[in-house]
Amino acid sequence: MKVVITDYIEADLEWEKEEFKKLGLEYSIFQMKHASPNQLVEKLIDADIIIVNMAKMNREVLSKLNKCKLIIRHGVGYDNIDIKSANEFNITVSYIPDYCTEEVAEQALMLLLVAYRKFVLQSESMKLSIGKSEWDFSPIIPIRRFSGKTAGLIGCGRIGQKILKMLRGFDINVLVYDPLLSEKRLSELGVSNNSLEDVLSQSDMISIHSSLNLTTYHMIGEKELRMMKPESIIVNTARGGIINADALAKACKEKWIAGAGIDVYEKEPPANNFPLVGLENVILTPHISWYSEDAGWDIRKKIMEDVLRFIKGQKPRYPVSL
């Protein structure tokens, strides 16, 4: 039985190699993040299990993987894998949705705070004040109190529920938009499901925690941003494609909204001409919300658990189907 890793973000995979050896598995490890379909097929053709980070597993690739029975996505999302085609070709796809919940929620909360407290403009105020030898708060004013406001969560799965708990610690009222949440779960969380329009128009801050699919791609565009309050902010730690970056740049430049905090991008890393670069009311971070040393080891161990389950003839922890 053979395992092939298409691409990885760890410094090395020495731990994985030792684990594969203990299990008696043959393995190959590559860095094929940007490989063509033909290049991927060439290396994956004899794999029983494929572990993929960012390589594109499209229909052209999947249709030729006659031996593969399991693809494990190294991450929370799986939009780089054609799930429908994988199901058609009898390839099980699994992912790891439970490895960096705290980290992403912490990053979202950080971005909410620094955007709402106008961190970039505070830095500008500090430069001006040093130059004048007196305080100049003019770039910052006005700032409003964080606690007591209303936050809107677009998506309220594992990460959304974690940030919900954090925000309540600030005495913040939380509105939720998540069509996938059951009435039972909504009741357990102590929230009701609102329309997207109500969440956008009534919230002082928005945090996005949806998955990316055909329904959510550019779900937040000019129309939606114009629904928001002029003093509100929006934060995205989910997937870059959920917000139309051009529309968001326009909203921030023209002050339809007060600002934004962004950790994810449609093209990563973003290009020099990315429309949000350099805007004084936008905080950009380098898609780092998933990261901590703790989370890094969590995902490696959880992936290995799925490999072991496959060997034993068991289903993976979190299979994906459409």
C-alpha atoms as a PDB file:
ATOM      1  CA  MET A   1       0.000   0.000   0.000  1.00  0.00           C
ATOM      2  CA  LYS A   2       1.363   3.409  -0.987  1.00  0.00           C
ATOM      3  CA  VAL A   3       0.834   6.923   0.365  1.00  0.00           C
ATOM      4  CA  VAL A   4       1.742   9.979  -1.734  1.00  0.00           C
ATOM      5  CA  ILE A   5       1.959  13.512  -0.339  1.00  0.00           C
ATOM      6  CA  THR A   6       1.493  16.050  -3.132  1.00  0.00           C
ATOM      7  CA  ASP A   7       2.669  19.161  -1.243  1.00  0.00           C
ATOM      8  CA  TYR A   8       3.196  20.309   2.319  1.00  0.00           C
ATOM      9  CA  ILE A   9       3.854  23.377   4.469  1.00  0.00           C
ATOM     10  CA  GLU A  10       5.841  21.800   7.303  1.00  0.00           C
ATOM     11  CA  ALA A  11       9.592  22.359   7.551  1.00  0.00           C
ATOM     12  CA  ASP A  12      10.081  18.619   7.022  1.00  0.00           C
ATOM     13  CA  LEU A  13       8.093  15.398   7.179  1.00  0.00           C
ATOM     14  CA  GLU A  14      10.537  13.245   9.126  1.00  0.00           C
ATOM     15  CA  TRP A  15       7.840  12.366  11.680  1.00  0.00           C
ATOM     16  CA  GLU A  16       5.481  11.221   8.901  1.00  0.00           C
ATOM     17  CA  LYS A  17       8.227   9.099   7.323  1.00  0.00           C
ATOM     18  CA  GLU A  18       8.799   7.286  10.602  1.00  0.00           C
ATOM     19  CA  GLU A  19       5.070   6.709  11.053  1.00  0.00           C
ATOM     20  CA  PHE A  20       4.713   5.318   7.518  1.00  0.00           C
ATOM     21  CA  LYS A  21       7.635   2.967   8.150  1.00  0.00           C
ATOM     22  CA  LYS A  22       6.054   1.712  11.386  1.00  0.00           C
ATOM     23  CA  LEU A  23       2.889   0.919   9.434  1.00  0.00           C
ATOM     24  CA  GLY A  24       4.828  -0.802   6.646  1.00  0.00           C
ATOM     25  CA  LEU A  25       3.660   1.703   4.043  1.00  0.00           C
ATOM     26  CA  GLU A  26       5.492   2.708   0.909  1.00  0.00           C
ATOM     27  CA  TYR A  27       5.487   6.477   0.474  1.00  0.00           C
ATOM     28  CA  SER A  28       6.539   9.329  -1.816  1.00  0.00           C
ATOM     29  CA  ILE A  29       6.688  12.995  -0.870  1.00  0.00           C
ATOM     30  CA  PHE A  30       6.658  15.899  -3.329  1.00  0.00           C
ATOM     31  CA  GLN A  31       6.229  19.665  -3.488  1.00  0.00           C
ATOM     32  CA  MET A  32       3.747  19.928  -6.379  1.00  0.00           C
ATOM     33  CA  LYS A  33       1.559  22.805  -5.238  1.00  0.00           C
ATOM     34  CA  HIS A  34       1.523  24.336  -8.721  1.00  0.00           C
ATOM     35  CA  ALA A  35       1.930  21.134 -10.759  1.00  0.00           C
ATOM     36  CA  SER A  36      -0.027  20.580 -13.957  1.00  0.00           C
ATOM     37  CA  PRO A  37      -2.636  17.791 -14.119  1.00  0.00           C
ATOM     38  CA  ASN A  38      -0.238  15.627 -16.133  1.00  0.00           C
ATOM     39  CA  GLN A  39       2.562  16.129 -13.613  1.00  0.00           C
ATOM     40  CA  LEU A  40       0.245  15.220 -10.735  1.00  0.00           C
ATOM     41  CA  VAL A  41      -1.082  12.104 -12.463  1.00  0.00           C
ATOM     42  CA  GLU A  42       2.458  10.938 -13.212  1.00  0.00           C
ATOM     43  CA  LYS A  43       3.347  10.964  -9.492  1.00  0.00           C
ATOM     44  CA  LEU A  44      -0.032   9.837  -8.136  1.00  0.00           C
ATOM     45  CA  ILE A  45      -0.935   7.039 -10.518  1.00  0.00           C
ATOM     46  CA  ASP A  46       0.094   4.248  -8.110  1.00  0.00           C
ATOM     47  CA  ALA A  47      -1.121   5.853  -4.866  1.00  0.00           C
ATOM     48  CA  ASP A  48      -3.703   4.196  -2.625  1.00  0.00           C
ATOM     49  CA  ILE A  49      -3.847   7.224  -0.302  1.00  0.00           C
ATOM     50  CA  ILE A  50      -3.116  10.824  -1.336  1.00  0.00           C
ATOM     51  CA  ILE A  51      -2.482  13.610   1.181  1.00  0.00           C
ATOM     52  CA  VAL A  52      -2.912  17.024  -0.434  1.00  0.00           C
ATOM     53  CA  ASN A  53      -2.425  20.551   0.814  1.00  0.00           C
ATOM     54  CA  MET A  54      -2.925  23.036  -2.046  1.00  0.00           C
ATOM     55  CA  ALA A  55      -2.403  20.999  -5.246  1.00  0.00           C
ATOM     56  CA  LYS A  56      -5.446  21.139  -7.529  1.00  0.00           C
ATOM     57  CA  MET A  57      -7.232  17.801  -7.625  1.00  0.00           C
ATOM     58  CA  ASN A  58      -9.582  18.429 -10.537  1.00  0.00           C
ATOM     59  CA  ARG A  59     -11.617  16.029 -12.647  1.00  0.00           C
ATOM     60  CA  GLU A  60      -8.810  15.569 -15.165  1.00  0.00           C
ATOM     61  CA  VAL A  61      -6.512  14.327 -12.413  1.00  0.00           C
ATOM     62  CA  LEU A  62      -9.081  12.292 -10.480  1.00  0.00           C
ATOM     63  CA  SER A  63     -10.352  10.446 -13.552  1.00  0.00           C
ATOM     64  CA  LYS A  64      -6.927   8.833 -14.020  1.00  0.00           C
ATOM     65  CA  LEU A  65      -6.301   7.731 -10.439  1.00  0.00           C
ATOM     66  CA  ASN A  66      -7.581   4.180 -10.816  1.00  0.00           C
ATOM     67  CA  LYS A  67      -5.841   2.888  -7.674  1.00  0.00           C
ATOM     68  CA  CYS A  68      -6.598   5.717  -5.245  1.00  0.00           C
ATOM     69  CA  LYS A  69      -9.291   5.107  -2.628  1.00  0.00           C
ATOM     70  CA  LEU A  70      -8.707   8.002  -0.213  1.00  0.00           C
ATOM     71  CA  ILE A  71      -7.661  11.652  -0.526  1.00  0.00           C
ATOM     72  CA  ILE A  72      -6.945  13.447   2.742  1.00  0.00           C
ATOM     73  CA  ARG A  73      -7.031  17.233   2.526  1.00  0.00           C
ATOM     74  CA  HIS A  74      -4.456  18.830   4.820  1.00  0.00           C
ATOM     75  CA  GLY A  75      -6.710  21.601   6.103  1.00  0.00           C
ATOM     76  CA  VAL A  76     -10.155  22.796   7.091  1.00  0.00           C
ATOM     77  CA  GLY A  77     -11.447  23.559   3.582  1.00  0.00           C
ATOM     78  CA  TYR A  78     -11.451  21.386   0.477  1.00  0.00           C
ATOM     79  CA  ASP A  79     -12.230  23.759  -2.406  1.00  0.00           C
ATOM     80  CA  ASN A  80      -9.105  22.600  -4.310  1.00  0.00           C
ATOM     81  CA  ILE A  81     -10.636  19.125  -4.666  1.00  0.00           C
ATOM     82  CA  ASP A  82     -13.467  18.294  -7.091  1.00  0.00           C
ATOM     83  CA  ILE A  83     -15.623  16.424  -4.601  1.00  0.00           C
ATOM     84  CA  LYS A  84     -18.329  15.499  -7.104  1.00  0.00           C
ATOM     85  CA  SER A  85     -15.810  13.869  -9.435  1.00  0.00           C
ATOM     86  CA  ALA A  86     -14.062  12.123  -6.556  1.00  0.00           C
ATOM     87  CA  ASN A  87     -17.389  10.616  -5.454  1.00  0.00           C
ATOM     88  CA  GLU A  88     -18.101   9.554  -9.033  1.00  0.00           C
ATOM     89  CA  PHE A  89     -14.759   7.756  -9.269  1.00  0.00           C
ATOM     90  CA  ASN A  90     -15.270   6.067  -5.873  1.00  0.00           C
ATOM     91  CA  ILE A  91     -12.523   8.049  -4.148  1.00  0.00           C
ATOM     92  CA  THR A  92     -13.308   9.002  -0.562  1.00  0.00           C
ATOM     93  CA  VAL A  93     -12.263  12.537   0.403  1.00  0.00           C
ATOM     94  CA  SER A  94     -11.667  13.521   4.012  1.00  0.00           C
ATOM     95  CA  TYR A  95     -10.567  16.756   5.642  1.00  0.00           C
ATOM     96  CA  ILE A  96      -9.509  18.037   9.069  1.00  0.00           C
ATOM     97  CA  PRO A  97     -12.095  20.611  10.211  1.00  0.00           C
ATOM     98  CA  ASP A  98     -11.224  20.374  13.911  1.00  0.00           C
ATOM     99  CA  TYR A  99      -7.537  21.239  14.135  1.00  0.00           C
ATOM    100  CA  CYS A 100      -7.187  25.047  14.331  1.00  0.00           C
ATOM    101  CA  THR A 101     -10.522  26.233  15.686  1.00  0.00           C
ATOM    102  CA  GLU A 102      -9.001  28.259  18.522  1.00  0.00           C
ATOM    103  CA  GLU A 103      -6.313  29.782  16.326  1.00  0.00           C
ATOM    104  CA  VAL A 104      -8.697  31.070  13.643  1.00  0.00           C
ATOM    105  CA  ALA A 105     -11.114  32.400  16.254  1.00  0.00           C
ATOM    106  CA  GLU A 106      -8.237  34.181  18.004  1.00  0.00           C
ATOM    107  CA  GLN A 107      -7.109  35.742  14.707  1.00  0.00           C
ATOM    108  CA  ALA A 108     -10.654  36.851  13.930  1.00  0.00           C
ATOM    109  CA  LEU A 109     -11.006  38.432  17.358  1.00  0.00           C
ATOM    110  CA  MET A 110      -7.633  40.158  16.960  1.00  0.00           C
ATOM    111  CA  LEU A 111      -8.648  41.588  13.586  1.00  0.00           C
ATOM    112  CA  LEU A 112     -12.001  42.724  14.959  1.00  0.00           C
ATOM    113  CA  LEU A 113     -10.259  44.549  17.784  1.00  0.00           C
ATOM    114  CA  VAL A 114      -7.461  46.154  15.760  1.00  0.00           C
ATOM    115  CA  ALA A 115      -9.828  47.200  12.973  1.00  0.00           C
ATOM    116  CA  TYR A 116     -12.424  48.554  15.380  1.00  0.00           C
ATOM    117  CA  ARG A 117      -9.765  50.350  17.455  1.00  0.00           C
ATOM    118  CA  LYS A 118      -8.145  51.657  14.231  1.00  0.00           C
ATOM    119  CA  PHE A 119      -4.680  50.223  14.876  1.00  0.00           C
ATOM    120  CA  VAL A 120      -3.163  51.466  11.608  1.00  0.00           C
ATOM    121  CA  LEU A 121      -4.381  54.984  12.276  1.00  0.00           C
ATOM    122  CA  GLN A 122      -3.137  54.790  15.846  1.00  0.00           C
ATOM    123  CA  SER A 123       0.333  54.087  14.423  1.00  0.00           C
ATOM    124  CA  GLU A 124      -0.031  57.120  12.150  1.00  0.00           C
ATOM    125  CA  SER A 125      -1.097  59.234  15.127  1.00  0.00           C
ATOM    126  CA  MET A 126       1.996  58.117  17.017  1.00  0.00           C
ATOM    127  CA  LYS A 127       4.280  59.207  14.155  1.00  0.00           C
ATOM    128  CA  LEU A 128       2.578  62.596  13.937  1.00  0.00           C
ATOM    129  CA  SER A 129       2.779  63.091  17.702  1.00  0.00           C
ATOM    130  CA  ILE A 130       6.479  62.266  17.833  1.00  0.00           C
ATOM    131  CA  GLY A 131       7.122  64.693  14.981  1.00  0.00           C
ATOM    132  CA  LYS A 132       5.184  67.491  16.707  1.00  0.00           C
ATOM    133  CA  SER A 133       6.356  66.662  20.240  1.00  0.00           C
ATOM    134  CA  GLU A 134       2.699  66.707  21.274  1.00  0.00           C
ATOM    135  CA  TRP A 135      -0.196  64.303  20.990  1.00  0.00           C
ATOM    136  CA  ASP A 136      -2.147  64.415  17.743  1.00  0.00           C
ATOM    137  CA  PHE A 137      -5.152  62.113  17.762  1.00  0.00           C
ATOM    138  CA  SER A 138      -6.747  63.583  14.637  1.00  0.00           C
ATOM    139  CA  PRO A 139      -6.176  60.517  12.395  1.00  0.00           C
ATOM    140  CA  ILE A 140      -7.958  58.239  14.873  1.00  0.00           C
ATOM    141  CA  ILE A 141     -11.072  60.127  15.936  1.00  0.00           C
ATOM    142  CA  PRO A 142     -13.731  58.845  16.348  1.00  0.00           C
ATOM    143  CA  ILE A 143     -13.249  55.504  18.102  1.00  0.00           C
ATOM    144  CA  ARG A 144     -16.221  53.771  19.658  1.00  0.00           C
ATOM    145  CA  ARG A 145     -16.367  51.333  22.566  1.00  0.00           C
ATOM    146  CA  PHE A 146     -16.038  47.659  21.541  1.00  0.00           C
ATOM    147  CA  SER A 147     -18.203  46.159  24.265  1.00  0.00           C
ATOM    148  CA  GLY A 148     -21.956  46.516  24.064  1.00  0.00           C
ATOM    149  CA  LYS A 149     -21.993  46.510  20.259  1.00  0.00           C
ATOM    150  CA  THR A 150     -23.596  44.024  17.851  1.00  0.00           C
ATOM    151  CA  ALA A 151     -21.490  41.506  15.932  1.00  0.00           C
ATOM    152  CA  GLY A 152     -22.689  39.539  12.932  1.00  0.00           C
ATOM    153  CA  LEU A 153     -21.361  36.057  12.215  1.00  0.00           C
ATOM    154  CA  ILE A 154     -21.693  34.834   8.645  1.00  0.00           C
ATOM    155  CA  GLY A 155     -21.278  31.111   9.211  1.00  0.00           C
ATOM    156  CA  CYS A 156     -21.394  29.594  12.669  1.00  0.00           C
ATOM    157  CA  GLY A 157     -19.729  26.196  12.560  1.00  0.00           C
ATOM    158  CA  ARG A 158     -16.853  25.164  14.825  1.00  0.00           C
ATOM    159  CA  ILE A 159     -14.910  28.414  14.420  1.00  0.00           C
ATOM    160  CA  GLY A 160     -17.975  30.638  14.369  1.00  0.00           C
ATOM    161  CA  GLN A 161     -19.178  29.059  17.593  1.00  0.00           C
ATOM    162  CA  LYS A 162     -15.791  29.634  19.210  1.00  0.00           C
ATOM    163  CA  ILE A 163     -15.781  33.343  18.267  1.00  0.00           C
ATOM    164  CA  LEU A 164     -19.421  33.561  19.428  1.00  0.00           C
ATOM    165  CA  LYS A 165     -18.294  32.506  22.896  1.00  0.00           C
ATOM    166  CA  MET A 166     -15.360  34.956  22.835  1.00  0.00           C
ATOM    167  CA  LEU A 167     -17.516  37.885  21.768  1.00  0.00           C
ATOM    168  CA  ARG A 168     -20.033  37.225  24.507  1.00  0.00           C
ATOM    169  CA  GLY A 169     -17.183  37.737  26.940  1.00  0.00           C
ATOM    170  CA  PHE A 170     -17.064  41.342  25.720  1.00  0.00           C
ATOM    171  CA  ASP A 171     -20.804  41.773  26.406  1.00  0.00           C
ATOM    172  CA  ILE A 172     -21.460  41.874  22.664  1.00  0.00           C
ATOM    173  CA  ASN A 173     -24.805  40.968  21.121  1.00  0.00           C
ATOM    174  CA  VAL A 174     -24.315  38.405  18.338  1.00  0.00           C
ATOM    175  CA  LEU A 175     -26.446  37.930  15.224  1.00  0.00           C
ATOM    176  CA  VAL A 176     -25.978  34.779  13.167  1.00  0.00           C
ATOM    177  CA  TYR A 177     -26.529  33.966   9.511  1.00  0.00           C
ATOM    178  CA  ASP A 178     -26.002  30.269   8.805  1.00  0.00           C
ATOM    179  CA  PRO A 179     -28.558  28.387   6.701  1.00  0.00           C
ATOM    180  CA  LEU A 180     -26.885  25.073   7.612  1.00  0.00           C
ATOM    181  CA  LEU A 181     -27.476  25.269  11.374  1.00  0.00           C
ATOM    182  CA  SER A 182     -30.342  23.169  12.712  1.00  0.00           C
ATOM    183  CA  GLU A 183     -32.984  24.645  14.993  1.00  0.00           C
ATOM    184  CA  LYS A 184     -31.731  22.336  17.730  1.00  0.00           C
ATOM    185  CA  ARG A 185     -28.164  23.657  17.450  1.00  0.00           C
ATOM    186  CA  LEU A 186     -29.370  27.264  17.264  1.00  0.00           C
ATOM    187  CA  SER A 187     -31.302  26.711  20.479  1.00  0.00           C
ATOM    188  CA  GLU A 188     -28.253  25.155  22.164  1.00  0.00           C
ATOM    189  CA  LEU A 189     -26.165  28.190  21.186  1.00  0.00           C
ATOM    190  CA  GLY A 190     -28.831  30.608  22.352  1.00  0.00           C
ATOM    191  CA  VAL A 191     -29.132  32.355  18.981  1.00  0.00           C
ATOM    192  CA  SER A 192     -31.644  32.618  16.170  1.00  0.00           C
ATOM    193  CA  ASN A 193     -30.968  32.496  12.439  1.00  0.00           C
ATOM    194  CA  ASN A 194     -31.203  35.873  10.736  1.00  0.00           C
ATOM    195  CA  SER A 195     -31.245  36.857   7.095  1.00  0.00           C
ATOM    196  CA  LEU A 196     -27.951  37.947   5.568  1.00  0.00           C
ATOM    197  CA  GLU A 197     -29.457  41.390   4.979  1.00  0.00           C
ATOM    198  CA  ASP A 198     -30.383  41.802   8.651  1.00  0.00           C
ATOM    199  CA  VAL A 199     -26.949  40.679   9.853  1.00  0.00           C
ATOM    200  CA  LEU A 200     -25.193  43.092   7.506  1.00  0.00           C
ATOM    201  CA  SER A 201     -27.427  46.075   8.211  1.00  0.00           C
ATOM    202  CA  GLN A 202     -27.726  45.702  11.997  1.00  0.00           C
ATOM    203  CA  SER A 203     -24.162  44.755  12.974  1.00  0.00           C
ATOM    204  CA  ASP A 204     -21.315  47.022  14.063  1.00  0.00           C
ATOM    205  CA  MET A 205     -18.813  44.350  13.085  1.00  0.00           C
ATOM    206  CA  ILE A 206     -18.996  41.326  10.791  1.00  0.00           C
ATOM    207  CA  SER A 207     -16.863  38.175  10.986  1.00  0.00           C
ATOM    208  CA  ILE A 208     -16.993  35.625   8.157  1.00  0.00           C
ATOM    209  CA  HIS A 209     -16.717  31.909   8.909  1.00  0.00           C
ATOM    210  CA  SER A 210     -18.365  30.260   5.887  1.00  0.00           C
ATOM    211  CA  SER A 211     -16.907  27.651   3.576  1.00  0.00           C
ATOM    212  CA  LEU A 212     -16.228  28.604  -0.045  1.00  0.00           C
ATOM    213  CA  ASN A 213     -18.489  27.078  -2.680  1.00  0.00           C
ATOM    214  CA  LEU A 214     -20.561  28.162  -5.672  1.00  0.00           C
ATOM    215  CA  THR A 215     -23.163  29.687  -3.355  1.00  0.00           C
ATOM    216  CA  THR A 216     -20.748  31.678  -1.192  1.00  0.00           C
ATOM    217  CA  TYR A 217     -18.290  32.840  -3.889  1.00  0.00           C
ATOM    218  CA  HIS A 218     -18.375  36.687  -3.825  1.00  0.00           C
ATOM    219  CA  MET A 219     -21.327  36.445  -1.455  1.00  0.00           C
ATOM    220  CA  ILE A 220     -20.195  39.814  -0.106  1.00  0.00           C
ATOM    221  CA  GLY A 221     -20.054  42.316  -2.947  1.00  0.00           C
ATOM    222  CA  GLU A 222     -20.994  45.951  -3.519  1.00  0.00           C
ATOM    223  CA  LYS A 223     -24.697  45.388  -2.860  1.00  0.00           C
ATOM    224  CA  GLU A 224     -24.019  43.689   0.477  1.00  0.00           C
ATOM    225  CA  LEU A 225     -21.330  46.165   1.593  1.00  0.00           C
ATOM    226  CA  ARG A 226     -23.714  49.050   0.981  1.00  0.00           C
ATOM    227  CA  MET A 227     -26.108  47.440   3.468  1.00  0.00           C
ATOM    228  CA  MET A 228     -23.576  47.843   6.286  1.00  0.00           C
ATOM    229  CA  LYS A 229     -23.404  50.775   8.697  1.00  0.00           C
ATOM    230  CA  PRO A 230     -20.846  53.497   7.862  1.00  0.00           C
ATOM    231  CA  GLU A 231     -19.163  52.884  11.240  1.00  0.00           C
ATOM    232  CA  SER A 232     -19.051  49.082  10.856  1.00  0.00           C
ATOM    233  CA  ILE A 233     -16.120  46.806   9.990  1.00  0.00           C
ATOM    234  CA  ILE A 234     -15.804  43.412   8.305  1.00  0.00           C
ATOM    235  CA  VAL A 235     -13.280  40.647   8.984  1.00  0.00           C
ATOM    236  CA  ASN A 236     -12.563  37.564   6.876  1.00  0.00           C
ATOM    237  CA  THR A 237     -10.540  34.602   8.142  1.00  0.00           C
ATOM    238  CA  ALA A 238     -12.468  32.005   6.101  1.00  0.00           C
ATOM    239  CA  ARG A 239     -11.763  32.041   2.337  1.00  0.00           C
ATOM    240  CA  GLY A 240     -10.717  34.979   0.176  1.00  0.00           C
ATOM    241  CA  GLY A 241     -13.287  34.325  -2.534  1.00  0.00           C
ATOM    242  CA  ILE A 242     -16.216  35.002  -0.211  1.00  0.00           C
ATOM    243  CA  ILE A 243     -15.639  38.776  -0.445  1.00  0.00           C
ATOM    244  CA  ASN A 244     -15.233  40.648  -3.726  1.00  0.00           C
ATOM    245  CA  ALA A 245     -11.946  42.443  -3.007  1.00  0.00           C
ATOM    246  CA  ASP A 246     -12.566  45.204  -5.567  1.00  0.00           C
ATOM    247  CA  ALA A 247     -15.913  46.013  -3.996  1.00  0.00           C
ATOM    248  CA  LEU A 248     -14.396  45.950  -0.499  1.00  0.00           C
ATOM    249  CA  ALA A 249     -11.592  48.305  -1.550  1.00  0.00           C
ATOM    250  CA  LYS A 250     -14.165  50.712  -2.950  1.00  0.00           C
ATOM    251  CA  ALA A 251     -16.247  50.494   0.220  1.00  0.00           C
ATOM    252  CA  CYS A 252     -13.214  51.255   2.407  1.00  0.00           C
ATOM    253  CA  LYS A 253     -11.900  54.069   0.183  1.00  0.00           C
ATOM    254  CA  GLU A 254     -15.278  55.752  -0.125  1.00  0.00           C
ATOM    255  CA  LYS A 255     -16.076  55.128   3.564  1.00  0.00           C
ATOM    256  CA  TRP A 256     -19.284  53.168   3.075  1.00  0.00           C
ATOM    257  CA  ILE A 257     -17.837  51.177   5.975  1.00  0.00           C
ATOM    258  CA  ALA A 258     -15.184  52.044   8.555  1.00  0.00           C
ATOM    259  CA  GLY A 259     -12.682  49.327   7.665  1.00  0.00           C
ATOM    260  CA  ALA A 260     -11.752  45.688   7.312  1.00  0.00           C
ATOM    261  CA  GLY A 261      -9.405  42.968   8.529  1.00  0.00           C
ATOM    262  CA  ILE A 262      -8.415  40.317   5.983  1.00  0.00           C
ATOM    263  CA  ASP A 263      -6.345  37.140   6.415  1.00  0.00           C
ATOM    264  CA  VAL A 264      -7.382  35.213   3.272  1.00  0.00           C
ATOM    265  CA  TYR A 265      -7.166  35.991  -0.452  1.00  0.00           C
ATOM    266  CA  GLU A 266      -8.411  34.592  -3.748  1.00  0.00           C
ATOM    267  CA  LYS A 267      -4.836  34.446  -5.026  1.00  0.00           C
ATOM    268  CA  GLU A 268      -2.259  33.719  -2.369  1.00  0.00           C
ATOM    269  CA  PRO A 269      -0.147  35.558  -1.642  1.00  0.00           C
ATOM    270  CA  PRO A 270      -1.899  38.569  -3.213  1.00  0.00           C
ATOM    271  CA  ALA A 271      -0.196  40.526  -5.983  1.00  0.00           C
ATOM    272  CA  ASN A 272       1.407  43.958  -5.559  1.00  0.00           C
ATOM    273  CA  ASN A 273      -1.635  45.555  -7.170  1.00  0.00           C
ATOM    274  CA  PHE A 274      -4.137  43.831  -4.846  1.00  0.00           C
ATOM    275  CA  PRO A 275      -6.752  46.567  -4.299  1.00  0.00           C
ATOM    276  CA  LEU A 276      -6.679  46.431  -0.488  1.00  0.00           C
ATOM    277  CA  VAL A 277      -2.923  46.971  -0.151  1.00  0.00           C
ATOM    278  CA  GLY A 278      -2.012  50.321   1.396  1.00  0.00           C
ATOM    279  CA  LEU A 279      -5.489  51.349   2.517  1.00  0.00           C
ATOM    280  CA  GLU A 280      -5.325  53.109   5.884  1.00  0.00           C
ATOM    281  CA  ASN A 281      -8.493  51.478   7.204  1.00  0.00           C
ATOM    282  CA  VAL A 282      -7.635  47.902   6.189  1.00  0.00           C
ATOM    283  CA  ILE A 283      -5.538  45.404   8.176  1.00  0.00           C
ATOM    284  CA  LEU A 284      -3.962  42.647   6.063  1.00  0.00           C
ATOM    285  CA  THR A 285      -2.385  39.538   7.601  1.00  0.00           C
ATOM    286  CA  PRO A 286      -0.613  36.715   5.700  1.00  0.00           C
ATOM    287  CA  HIS A 287      -3.176  33.863   5.918  1.00  0.00           C
ATOM    288  CA  ILE A 288      -1.727  32.926   9.270  1.00  0.00           C
ATOM    289  CA  SER A 289      -4.922  32.384  11.271  1.00  0.00           C
ATOM    290  CA  TRP A 290      -4.519  28.598  11.104  1.00  0.00           C
ATOM    291  CA  TYR A 291      -1.047  28.637  12.600  1.00  0.00           C
ATOM    292  CA  SER A 292       0.278  27.735  16.002  1.00  0.00           C
ATOM    293  CA  GLU A 293       2.823  25.079  16.881  1.00  0.00           C
ATOM    294  CA  ASP A 294       0.035  23.248  18.698  1.00  0.00           C
ATOM    295  CA  ALA A 295      -2.287  23.259  15.691  1.00  0.00           C
ATOM    296  CA  GLY A 296       0.545  22.181  13.399  1.00  0.00           C
ATOM    297  CA  TRP A 297       1.026  18.971  15.372  1.00  0.00           C
ATOM    298  CA  ASP A 298      -2.713  18.441  15.792  1.00  0.00           C
ATOM    299  CA  ILE A 299      -3.297  18.229  12.054  1.00  0.00           C
ATOM    300  CA  ARG A 300      -0.353  15.936  11.425  1.00  0.00           C
ATOM    301  CA  LYS A 301      -1.580  13.475  14.063  1.00  0.00           C
ATOM    302  CA  LYS A 302      -5.183  13.660  12.832  1.00  0.00           C
ATOM    303  CA  ILE A 303      -4.103  12.967   9.233  1.00  0.00           C
ATOM    304  CA  MET A 304      -2.113   9.957  10.417  1.00  0.00           C
ATOM    305  CA  GLU A 305      -5.191   8.778  12.298  1.00  0.00           C
ATOM    306  CA  ASP A 306      -7.145   8.781   9.032  1.00  0.00           C
ATOM    307  CA  VAL A 307      -4.359   6.807   7.344  1.00  0.00           C
ATOM    308  CA  LEU A 308      -4.519   4.229  10.130  1.00  0.00           C
ATOM    309  CA  ARG A 309      -8.321   4.050   9.922  1.00  0.00           C
ATOM    310  CA  PHE A 310      -8.053   3.388   6.173  1.00  0.00           C
ATOM    311  CA  ILE A 311      -5.633   0.527   6.743  1.00  0.00           C
ATOM    312  CA  LYS A 312      -8.103  -0.985   9.243  1.00  0.00           C
ATOM    313  CA  GLY A 313     -10.976  -0.690   6.762  1.00  0.00           C
ATOM    314  CA  GLN A 314     -12.672   2.102   8.701  1.00  0.00           C
ATOM    315  CA  LYS A 315     -14.131   5.368   7.437  1.00  0.00           C
ATOM    316  CA  PRO A 316     -12.069   8.560   7.918  1.00  0.00           C
ATOM    317  CA  ARG A 317     -13.029  10.895  10.758  1.00  0.00           C
ATOM    318  CA  TYR A 318     -14.600  13.525   8.492  1.00  0.00           C
ATOM    319  CA  PRO A 319     -15.531  12.232   5.015  1.00  0.00           C
ATOM    320  CA  VAL A 320     -16.837  14.735   2.465  1.00  0.00           C
ATOM    321  CA  SER A 321     -19.721  14.033   0.094  1.00  0.00           C
ATOM    322  CA  LEU A 322     -22.140  16.023  -2.015  1.00  0.00           C
END
